[in-house]
């Protein structure tokens, strides 16, 4: 017949640090396990599994949103328990839905998920990570026309805002003046780059308000 066979789920090792092995040294691919292995409900649920984020909204801080697994209702047999594999967690700006691969095991670690077909409701929750707001003031400078082209490639974060620890910002300055007068000390916004301490581009996680200084030639 057609269609793929259901994978054979491994026994729970009981070690929360490790995903169970598929035997003979191989590791079971939990990414292929379903988000809801119990199928459509038959009447009221016997058991509800809720996958809850620690917060429904937070500002970007570089840390993944912790997720907890909560159960309510009854198990078919004493000693049965829920374990969620491959819990998805996110740490960048966006709107997300909690996800995991829940299974139910008996007291000996055997997978008894199929015994709960149609009896379990799995509830996933929404959460959002919003941009971290920062304000940047570019520098101001003054010089006489006889000193040539005036540029000032300096900036500071103001009003108590800051990058996350270990993050670095680079930007190309475009403001310059070489004749008597005043101009704003602008930057090329397309050149802006913020990287974390591992060199990853995290620019999109910041909302930046610019305040431009003045370049004055007398």
C-alpha atoms as a PDB file:
ATOM      1  CA  UNK A   1       0.000   0.000   0.000  1.00  0.00           C
ATOM      2  CA  UNK A   2       0.946   3.645  -0.334  1.00  0.00           C
ATOM      3  CA  UNK A   3       1.846   6.175   2.332  1.00  0.00           C
ATOM      4  CA  UNK A   4       4.663   6.218   4.840  1.00  0.00           C
ATOM      5  CA  UNK A   5       4.747   3.982   7.868  1.00  0.00           C
ATOM      6  CA  UNK A   6       4.508   5.482  11.321  1.00  0.00           C
ATOM      7  CA  UNK A   7       7.904   5.823  12.949  1.00  0.00           C
ATOM      8  CA  UNK A   8       8.648   3.519  15.855  1.00  0.00           C
ATOM      9  CA  UNK A   9       8.974   5.768  18.857  1.00  0.00           C
ATOM     10  CA  UNK A  10      11.781   4.942  21.267  1.00  0.00           C
ATOM     11  CA  UNK A  11      11.371   4.249  24.949  1.00  0.00           C
ATOM     12  CA  UNK A  12      11.851   7.230  27.247  1.00  0.00           C
ATOM     13  CA  UNK A  13      15.349   7.051  28.697  1.00  0.00           C
ATOM     14  CA  UNK A  14      14.202   8.978  31.760  1.00  0.00           C
ATOM     15  CA  UNK A  15      17.051  11.422  31.270  1.00  0.00           C
ATOM     16  CA  UNK A  16      15.621  14.905  30.732  1.00  0.00           C
ATOM     17  CA  UNK A  17      18.929  16.079  29.242  1.00  0.00           C
ATOM     18  CA  UNK A  18      18.865  13.637  26.333  1.00  0.00           C
ATOM     19  CA  UNK A  19      16.350  12.779  23.693  1.00  0.00           C
ATOM     20  CA  UNK A  20      15.832   8.994  23.661  1.00  0.00           C
ATOM     21  CA  UNK A  21      17.992   6.975  21.332  1.00  0.00           C
ATOM     22  CA  UNK A  22      16.413   5.014  18.518  1.00  0.00           C
ATOM     23  CA  UNK A  23      18.688   2.080  19.332  1.00  0.00           C
ATOM     24  CA  UNK A  24      22.029   0.926  17.919  1.00  0.00           C
ATOM     25  CA  UNK A  25      23.527   4.330  18.642  1.00  0.00           C
ATOM     26  CA  UNK A  26      21.195   6.260  16.322  1.00  0.00           C
ATOM     27  CA  UNK A  27      19.178   9.257  17.496  1.00  0.00           C
ATOM     28  CA  UNK A  28      15.451   9.340  16.789  1.00  0.00           C
ATOM     29  CA  UNK A  29      14.433  12.274  14.566  1.00  0.00           C
ATOM     30  CA  UNK A  30      11.804  14.006  16.683  1.00  0.00           C
ATOM     31  CA  UNK A  31      11.286  16.679  14.011  1.00  0.00           C
ATOM     32  CA  UNK A  32       9.197  14.094  12.143  1.00  0.00           C
ATOM     33  CA  UNK A  33       6.912  13.480  15.116  1.00  0.00           C
ATOM     34  CA  UNK A  34       3.478  15.196  15.033  1.00  0.00           C
ATOM     35  CA  UNK A  35       2.514  18.263  17.070  1.00  0.00           C
ATOM     36  CA  UNK A  36      -0.706  16.450  17.997  1.00  0.00           C
ATOM     37  CA  UNK A  37      -0.307  12.663  17.935  1.00  0.00           C
ATOM     38  CA  UNK A  38      -3.740  12.060  19.496  1.00  0.00           C
ATOM     39  CA  UNK A  39      -5.942  12.884  16.511  1.00  0.00           C
ATOM     40  CA  UNK A  40      -9.369  14.552  16.663  1.00  0.00           C
ATOM     41  CA  UNK A  41     -11.176  14.516  19.995  1.00  0.00           C
ATOM     42  CA  UNK A  42     -13.876  11.976  20.709  1.00  0.00           C
ATOM     43  CA  UNK A  43     -16.142  13.927  23.039  1.00  0.00           C
ATOM     44  CA  UNK A  44     -14.704  15.808  25.985  1.00  0.00           C
ATOM     45  CA  UNK A  45     -10.959  15.368  26.528  1.00  0.00           C
ATOM     46  CA  UNK A  46      -9.751  13.029  29.251  1.00  0.00           C
ATOM     47  CA  UNK A  47      -6.515  14.987  29.442  1.00  0.00           C
ATOM     48  CA  UNK A  48      -5.396  18.473  28.340  1.00  0.00           C
ATOM     49  CA  UNK A  49      -1.772  19.282  27.565  1.00  0.00           C
ATOM     50  CA  UNK A  50      -1.054  23.016  27.537  1.00  0.00           C
ATOM     51  CA  UNK A  51       2.239  24.325  26.159  1.00  0.00           C
ATOM     52  CA  UNK A  52       2.608  27.699  27.882  1.00  0.00           C
ATOM     53  CA  UNK A  53       5.137  30.481  27.194  1.00  0.00           C
ATOM     54  CA  UNK A  54       6.533  32.293  30.233  1.00  0.00           C
ATOM     55  CA  UNK A  55       5.160  35.552  28.810  1.00  0.00           C
ATOM     56  CA  UNK A  56       2.788  36.480  25.998  1.00  0.00           C
ATOM     57  CA  UNK A  57       4.897  39.505  25.025  1.00  0.00           C
ATOM     58  CA  UNK A  58       8.377  40.744  25.810  1.00  0.00           C
ATOM     59  CA  UNK A  59      10.964  43.116  24.407  1.00  0.00           C
ATOM     60  CA  UNK A  60      13.923  41.553  22.629  1.00  0.00           C
ATOM     61  CA  UNK A  61      16.624  40.655  25.148  1.00  0.00           C
ATOM     62  CA  UNK A  62      18.487  37.952  23.228  1.00  0.00           C
ATOM     63  CA  UNK A  63      17.118  35.186  25.439  1.00  0.00           C
ATOM     64  CA  UNK A  64      14.719  32.437  24.381  1.00  0.00           C
ATOM     65  CA  UNK A  65      11.233  32.577  25.883  1.00  0.00           C
ATOM     66  CA  UNK A  66      10.945  29.676  28.365  1.00  0.00           C
ATOM     67  CA  UNK A  67       8.110  27.227  27.746  1.00  0.00           C
ATOM     68  CA  UNK A  68       6.439  24.997  30.346  1.00  0.00           C
ATOM     69  CA  UNK A  69       4.262  21.935  29.828  1.00  0.00           C
ATOM     70  CA  UNK A  70       1.146  21.778  31.996  1.00  0.00           C
ATOM     71  CA  UNK A  71      -1.380  18.960  32.170  1.00  0.00           C
ATOM     72  CA  UNK A  72      -4.875  18.794  33.593  1.00  0.00           C
ATOM     73  CA  UNK A  73      -7.367  15.947  33.725  1.00  0.00           C
ATOM     74  CA  UNK A  74      -6.714  12.249  34.159  1.00  0.00           C
ATOM     75  CA  UNK A  75      -4.404   9.589  32.799  1.00  0.00           C
ATOM     76  CA  UNK A  76      -5.671   6.147  31.810  1.00  0.00           C
ATOM     77  CA  UNK A  77      -3.242   4.395  34.136  1.00  0.00           C
ATOM     78  CA  UNK A  78      -1.434   5.406  37.297  1.00  0.00           C
ATOM     79  CA  UNK A  79       2.162   6.251  36.519  1.00  0.00           C
ATOM     80  CA  UNK A  80       1.508   7.473  32.979  1.00  0.00           C
ATOM     81  CA  UNK A  81       3.107  10.827  32.211  1.00  0.00           C
ATOM     82  CA  UNK A  82       3.572  13.367  29.421  1.00  0.00           C
ATOM     83  CA  UNK A  83       6.933  14.238  27.932  1.00  0.00           C
ATOM     84  CA  UNK A  84       7.315  16.880  25.242  1.00  0.00           C
ATOM     85  CA  UNK A  85      10.177  16.480  22.804  1.00  0.00           C
ATOM     86  CA  UNK A  86      11.835  19.105  20.641  1.00  0.00           C
ATOM     87  CA  UNK A  87      10.222  22.072  22.355  1.00  0.00           C
ATOM     88  CA  UNK A  88      10.541  25.028  19.997  1.00  0.00           C
ATOM     89  CA  UNK A  89      11.836  28.246  21.550  1.00  0.00           C
ATOM     90  CA  UNK A  90      12.616  31.594  19.946  1.00  0.00           C
ATOM     91  CA  UNK A  91      14.729  34.606  20.878  1.00  0.00           C
ATOM     92  CA  UNK A  92      14.336  36.965  17.901  1.00  0.00           C
ATOM     93  CA  UNK A  93      11.624  39.502  17.113  1.00  0.00           C
ATOM     94  CA  UNK A  94       8.439  37.954  15.768  1.00  0.00           C
ATOM     95  CA  UNK A  95       5.078  36.378  16.570  1.00  0.00           C
ATOM     96  CA  UNK A  96       5.216  32.706  17.483  1.00  0.00           C
ATOM     97  CA  UNK A  97       3.120  29.750  18.548  1.00  0.00           C
ATOM     98  CA  UNK A  98       4.477  27.336  21.140  1.00  0.00           C
ATOM     99  CA  UNK A  99       5.252  23.949  19.621  1.00  0.00           C
ATOM    100  CA  UNK A 100       6.541  20.574  20.788  1.00  0.00           C
ATOM    101  CA  UNK A 101       6.157  16.872  20.057  1.00  0.00           C
ATOM    102  CA  UNK A 102       4.172  15.430  22.999  1.00  0.00           C
ATOM    103  CA  UNK A 103       4.169  11.729  23.846  1.00  0.00           C
ATOM    104  CA  UNK A 104       2.723   9.782  26.773  1.00  0.00           C
ATOM    105  CA  UNK A 105       4.734   7.086  28.541  1.00  0.00           C
ATOM    106  CA  UNK A 106       3.883   4.534  31.188  1.00  0.00           C
ATOM    107  CA  UNK A 107       5.796   4.141  34.448  1.00  0.00           C
ATOM    108  CA  UNK A 108       8.347   1.919  32.714  1.00  0.00           C
ATOM    109  CA  UNK A 109       9.074   4.448  29.984  1.00  0.00           C
ATOM    110  CA  UNK A 110       7.108   2.669  27.262  1.00  0.00           C
ATOM    111  CA  UNK A 111       5.349   4.864  24.701  1.00  0.00           C
ATOM    112  CA  UNK A 112       1.584   4.475  25.239  1.00  0.00           C
ATOM    113  CA  UNK A 113       0.511   7.508  23.197  1.00  0.00           C
ATOM    114  CA  UNK A 114      -1.706   5.411  20.922  1.00  0.00           C
ATOM    115  CA  UNK A 115      -3.815   4.404  23.929  1.00  0.00           C
ATOM    116  CA  UNK A 116      -4.866   8.044  24.229  1.00  0.00           C
ATOM    117  CA  UNK A 117      -6.076   8.522  20.655  1.00  0.00           C
ATOM    118  CA  UNK A 118      -9.053  10.910  20.627  1.00  0.00           C
ATOM    119  CA  UNK A 119      -8.790  11.504  24.380  1.00  0.00           C
ATOM    120  CA  UNK A 120      -6.253  14.349  24.618  1.00  0.00           C
ATOM    121  CA  UNK A 121      -6.468  18.033  23.730  1.00  0.00           C
ATOM    122  CA  UNK A 122      -3.173  19.777  22.989  1.00  0.00           C
ATOM    123  CA  UNK A 123      -3.268  23.561  23.489  1.00  0.00           C
ATOM    124  CA  UNK A 124      -0.584  25.742  21.936  1.00  0.00           C
ATOM    125  CA  UNK A 125      -0.268  29.418  22.860  1.00  0.00           C
ATOM    126  CA  UNK A 126       0.745  32.590  21.002  1.00  0.00           C
ATOM    127  CA  UNK A 127       3.520  34.909  22.117  1.00  0.00           C
ATOM    128  CA  UNK A 128       5.392  37.871  20.681  1.00  0.00           C
ATOM    129  CA  UNK A 129       8.908  39.274  20.929  1.00  0.00           C
ATOM    130  CA  UNK A 130       8.957  43.003  20.158  1.00  0.00           C
ATOM    131  CA  UNK A 131      11.836  45.180  19.003  1.00  0.00           C
ATOM    132  CA  UNK A 132      14.228  46.712  21.535  1.00  0.00           C
ATOM    133  CA  UNK A 133      14.040  50.507  21.225  1.00  0.00           C
ATOM    134  CA  UNK A 134      17.225  52.559  21.214  1.00  0.00           C
ATOM    135  CA  UNK A 135      17.958  56.228  20.504  1.00  0.00           C
ATOM    136  CA  UNK A 136      21.174  57.346  18.848  1.00  0.00           C
ATOM    137  CA  UNK A 137      22.596  60.868  18.767  1.00  0.00           C
ATOM    138  CA  UNK A 138      25.262  61.591  16.159  1.00  0.00           C
ATOM    139  CA  UNK A 139      28.035  63.966  17.063  1.00  0.00           C
ATOM    140  CA  UNK A 140      28.278  67.707  16.455  1.00  0.00           C
ATOM    141  CA  UNK A 141      31.430  69.601  15.493  1.00  0.00           C
ATOM    142  CA  UNK A 142      32.617  73.041  14.448  1.00  0.00           C
ATOM    143  CA  UNK A 143      35.700  74.193  12.517  1.00  0.00           C
ATOM    144  CA  UNK A 144      36.871  76.993  10.238  1.00  0.00           C
ATOM    145  CA  UNK A 145      36.725  76.756   6.462  1.00  0.00           C
ATOM    146  CA  UNK A 146      40.519  76.839   6.256  1.00  0.00           C
ATOM    147  CA  UNK A 147      40.669  73.446   7.970  1.00  0.00           C
ATOM    148  CA  UNK A 148      39.084  71.612   5.021  1.00  0.00           C
ATOM    149  CA  UNK A 149      36.256  69.076   5.024  1.00  0.00           C
ATOM    150  CA  UNK A 150      34.465  68.646   8.349  1.00  0.00           C
ATOM    151  CA  UNK A 151      33.230  65.192   9.344  1.00  0.00           C
ATOM    152  CA  UNK A 152      32.399  63.772  12.766  1.00  0.00           C
ATOM    153  CA  UNK A 153      32.023  60.004  12.924  1.00  0.00           C
ATOM    154  CA  UNK A 154      30.882  59.820  16.521  1.00  0.00           C
ATOM    155  CA  UNK A 155      27.618  58.742  18.106  1.00  0.00           C
ATOM    156  CA  UNK A 156      26.185  57.890  21.493  1.00  0.00           C
ATOM    157  CA  UNK A 157      23.095  56.093  22.770  1.00  0.00           C
ATOM    158  CA  UNK A 158      20.890  58.471  24.703  1.00  0.00           C
ATOM    159  CA  UNK A 159      17.861  58.647  27.002  1.00  0.00           C
ATOM    160  CA  UNK A 160      18.902  55.565  28.946  1.00  0.00           C
ATOM    161  CA  UNK A 161      18.760  53.236  25.953  1.00  0.00           C
ATOM    162  CA  UNK A 162      21.454  50.690  25.191  1.00  0.00           C
ATOM    163  CA  UNK A 163      22.455  47.773  23.025  1.00  0.00           C
ATOM    164  CA  UNK A 164      22.394  44.365  24.641  1.00  0.00           C
ATOM    165  CA  UNK A 165      25.637  43.371  26.297  1.00  0.00           C
ATOM    166  CA  UNK A 166      28.183  42.190  23.738  1.00  0.00           C
ATOM    167  CA  UNK A 167      26.333  43.711  20.766  1.00  0.00           C
ATOM    168  CA  UNK A 168      28.197  46.086  18.466  1.00  0.00           C
ATOM    169  CA  UNK A 169      26.893  48.702  16.033  1.00  0.00           C
ATOM    170  CA  UNK A 170      28.552  49.998  12.867  1.00  0.00           C
ATOM    171  CA  UNK A 171      27.205  52.630  10.466  1.00  0.00           C
ATOM    172  CA  UNK A 172      28.581  54.763   7.635  1.00  0.00           C
ATOM    173  CA  UNK A 173      28.446  58.511   8.234  1.00  0.00           C
ATOM    174  CA  UNK A 174      27.344  60.661   5.294  1.00  0.00           C
ATOM    175  CA  UNK A 175      27.321  64.116   6.868  1.00  0.00           C
ATOM    176  CA  UNK A 176      30.128  66.425   5.710  1.00  0.00           C
ATOM    177  CA  UNK A 177      30.672  70.111   4.930  1.00  0.00           C
ATOM    178  CA  UNK A 178      33.623  72.130   3.598  1.00  0.00           C
ATOM    179  CA  UNK A 179      32.191  75.639   3.141  1.00  0.00           C
ATOM    180  CA  UNK A 180      30.814  78.098   5.695  1.00  0.00           C
ATOM    181  CA  UNK A 181      27.404  76.944   6.861  1.00  0.00           C
ATOM    182  CA  UNK A 182      25.608  74.241   8.820  1.00  0.00           C
ATOM    183  CA  UNK A 183      24.493  70.731   7.882  1.00  0.00           C
ATOM    184  CA  UNK A 184      23.155  67.715   9.726  1.00  0.00           C
ATOM    185  CA  UNK A 185      25.503  64.875  10.629  1.00  0.00           C
ATOM    186  CA  UNK A 186      23.571  62.132   8.845  1.00  0.00           C
ATOM    187  CA  UNK A 187      24.260  58.435   8.352  1.00  0.00           C
ATOM    188  CA  UNK A 188      23.535  55.890   5.616  1.00  0.00           C
ATOM    189  CA  UNK A 189      20.705  53.931   7.237  1.00  0.00           C
ATOM    190  CA  UNK A 190      21.206  51.064   4.769  1.00  0.00           C
ATOM    191  CA  UNK A 191      24.736  50.582   6.087  1.00  0.00           C
ATOM    192  CA  UNK A 192      23.600  50.064   9.671  1.00  0.00           C
ATOM    193  CA  UNK A 193      24.699  46.732  11.139  1.00  0.00           C
ATOM    194  CA  UNK A 194      24.311  45.398  14.665  1.00  0.00           C
ATOM    195  CA  UNK A 195      25.935  42.067  15.520  1.00  0.00           C
ATOM    196  CA  UNK A 196      25.832  39.967  18.672  1.00  0.00           C
ATOM    197  CA  UNK A 197      28.891  38.595  20.448  1.00  0.00           C
ATOM    198  CA  UNK A 198      28.992  35.668  18.017  1.00  0.00           C
ATOM    199  CA  UNK A 199      28.922  37.916  14.972  1.00  0.00           C
ATOM    200  CA  UNK A 200      25.288  37.203  14.042  1.00  0.00           C
ATOM    201  CA  UNK A 201      23.326  40.012  12.381  1.00  0.00           C
ATOM    202  CA  UNK A 202      20.664  41.084  14.899  1.00  0.00           C
ATOM    203  CA  UNK A 203      19.845  44.491  13.400  1.00  0.00           C
ATOM    204  CA  UNK A 204      16.185  43.635  12.770  1.00  0.00           C
ATOM    205  CA  UNK A 205      15.627  43.135  16.497  1.00  0.00           C
ATOM    206  CA  UNK A 206      16.164  46.829  17.213  1.00  0.00           C
ATOM    207  CA  UNK A 207      13.928  49.846  16.640  1.00  0.00           C
ATOM    208  CA  UNK A 208      16.206  52.847  16.245  1.00  0.00           C
ATOM    209  CA  UNK A 209      15.357  56.524  16.581  1.00  0.00           C
ATOM    210  CA  UNK A 210      18.057  58.820  15.183  1.00  0.00           C
ATOM    211  CA  UNK A 211      18.910  62.304  16.410  1.00  0.00           C
ATOM    212  CA  UNK A 212      21.351  64.070  14.129  1.00  0.00           C
ATOM    213  CA  UNK A 213      23.994  66.458  15.366  1.00  0.00           C
ATOM    214  CA  UNK A 214      25.164  69.546  13.473  1.00  0.00           C
ATOM    215  CA  UNK A 215      28.326  70.137  11.470  1.00  0.00           C
ATOM    216  CA  UNK A 216      29.241  73.813  11.387  1.00  0.00           C
ATOM    217  CA  UNK A 217      31.927  75.531   9.296  1.00  0.00           C
ATOM    218  CA  UNK A 218      32.705  79.157  10.087  1.00  0.00           C
END
